[in-house]
Amino acid sequence: MKDTSSPDYIHSDGFLARLMRDQLKLSIACAIFFFAALVALPLLNYFYPEFMAQRVAGFTLTWLILGVLFFPYVWIISFSFIKKSIALEEAEATAAKDSAKK
């Protein structure tokens, strides 16, 4: 076990392993949201073709989702990933610094 009172703890294997584990969980969560949308569109088209063929703002619902709404959806996932990743790094760094002070 690493000495958490050492000033080099922030660069220790334990710190990096925890940070990588937390970022992996975040990455998996973001990937699930992305693949959910990626799989949902073909399934909606297959099971509800009449519903997806509706016209909305001059587009069929399928093309509205695929051509217009999909990109903001991916941007939202990306934005939340970046914000949460930065927050994870800052929280881990703060925790490491606090434990080094004790």
Protein backbone atom coordinates (compact mmCIF):
# COMPACT_ATOMS: atom_id res chain seq x y z
CA MET A 1 0.00 0.00 0.00
CA LYS A 2 1.27 3.45 -0.92
CA ASP A 3 2.07 6.09 1.66
CA THR A 4 -0.72 8.66 1.27
CA SER A 5 1.22 11.22 3.31
CA SER A 6 3.86 11.49 0.59
CA PRO A 7 3.65 14.58 -1.63
CA ASP A 8 4.18 12.27 -4.62
CA TYR A 9 0.94 10.39 -3.85
CA ILE A 10 -0.91 12.34 -6.55
CA HIS A 11 1.35 10.58 -9.09
CA SER A 12 1.15 7.18 -7.44
CA ASP A 13 -0.12 4.00 -9.01
CA GLY A 14 -3.11 3.91 -6.65
CA PHE A 15 -4.18 7.42 -7.60
CA LEU A 16 -3.87 6.69 -11.31
CA ALA A 17 -5.61 3.32 -11.01
CA ARG A 18 -8.60 4.88 -9.19
CA LEU A 19 -8.80 7.71 -11.71
CA MET A 20 -8.61 5.32 -14.65
CA ARG A 21 -11.28 3.05 -13.10
CA ASP A 22 -13.64 5.99 -12.57
CA GLN A 23 -13.05 7.30 -16.08
CA LEU A 24 -13.64 3.83 -17.51
CA LYS A 25 -17.03 3.73 -15.75
CA LEU A 26 -17.83 7.16 -17.20
CA SER A 27 -16.75 6.05 -20.68
CA ILE A 28 -18.91 2.95 -20.50
CA ALA A 29 -21.92 4.99 -19.38
CA CYS A 30 -21.45 7.42 -22.29
CA ALA A 31 -21.01 4.54 -24.73
CA ILE A 32 -24.24 2.96 -23.50
CA PHE A 33 -26.16 6.19 -24.17
CA PHE A 34 -24.59 6.47 -27.64
CA PHE A 35 -25.29 2.86 -28.62
CA ALA A 36 -28.82 3.07 -27.22
CA ALA A 37 -29.64 5.77 -29.74
CA LEU A 38 -27.74 3.98 -32.47
CA VAL A 39 -29.77 0.80 -31.95
CA ALA A 40 -33.08 2.51 -31.18
CA LEU A 41 -33.47 4.21 -34.56
CA PRO A 42 -33.40 1.02 -36.69
CA LEU A 43 -35.62 -0.74 -34.16
CA LEU A 44 -38.16 2.10 -34.23
CA ASN A 45 -38.12 2.02 -38.02
CA TYR A 46 -38.65 -1.73 -38.03
CA PHE A 47 -41.39 -1.96 -35.40
CA TYR A 48 -43.16 1.39 -35.98
CA PRO A 49 -42.71 2.27 -39.67
CA GLU A 50 -45.91 4.35 -39.88
CA PHE A 51 -44.96 6.40 -36.84
CA MET A 52 -41.41 7.00 -38.11
CA ALA A 53 -42.74 8.00 -41.56
CA GLN A 54 -44.64 10.98 -40.09
CA ARG A 55 -43.63 14.37 -41.42
CA VAL A 56 -42.23 16.82 -38.89
CA ALA A 57 -40.88 20.20 -40.07
CA GLY A 58 -40.64 18.90 -43.63
CA PHE A 59 -38.70 15.76 -42.70
CA THR A 60 -39.84 12.27 -41.95
CA LEU A 61 -39.33 11.53 -38.26
CA THR A 62 -36.53 9.11 -39.14
CA TRP A 63 -34.55 11.76 -41.00
CA LEU A 64 -35.29 14.40 -38.38
CA ILE A 65 -33.81 12.15 -35.71
CA LEU A 66 -30.91 10.93 -37.83
CA GLY A 67 -30.02 14.12 -39.69
CA VAL A 68 -30.88 16.83 -37.20
CA LEU A 69 -31.25 15.54 -33.65
CA PHE A 70 -28.52 12.91 -33.57
CA PHE A 71 -25.64 15.40 -33.70
CA PRO A 72 -26.80 17.52 -30.75
CA TYR A 73 -27.39 14.27 -28.86
CA VAL A 74 -23.77 13.22 -29.46
CA TRP A 75 -22.55 16.72 -28.51
CA ILE A 76 -24.47 16.51 -25.24
CA ILE A 77 -22.91 13.12 -24.48
CA SER A 78 -19.45 14.50 -25.33
CA PHE A 79 -19.95 17.66 -23.29
CA SER A 80 -21.13 15.72 -20.25
CA PHE A 81 -18.22 13.28 -20.61
CA ILE A 82 -15.67 16.10 -20.67
CA LYS A 83 -17.25 17.96 -17.73
CA LYS A 84 -17.55 14.82 -15.59
CA SER A 85 -14.06 13.66 -16.52
CA ILE A 86 -12.57 16.98 -15.44
CA ALA A 87 -14.61 16.85 -12.23
CA LEU A 88 -13.30 13.33 -11.52
CA GLU A 89 -9.71 14.44 -12.04
CA GLU A 90 -10.15 17.48 -9.81
CA ALA A 91 -11.88 15.45 -7.08
CA GLU A 92 -9.12 12.82 -7.11
CA ALA A 93 -6.40 15.47 -7.06
CA THR A 94 -8.08 17.29 -4.18
CA ALA A 95 -8.51 14.05 -2.25
CA ALA A 96 -4.86 13.14 -2.83
CA LYS A 97 -3.68 16.57 -1.71
CA ASP A 98 -5.91 16.46 1.37
CA SER A 99 -4.67 13.04 2.35
CA ALA A 100 -1.07 14.20 1.82
CA LYS A 101 -1.61 17.06 4.28
CA LYS A 102 -2.69 14.67 7.07
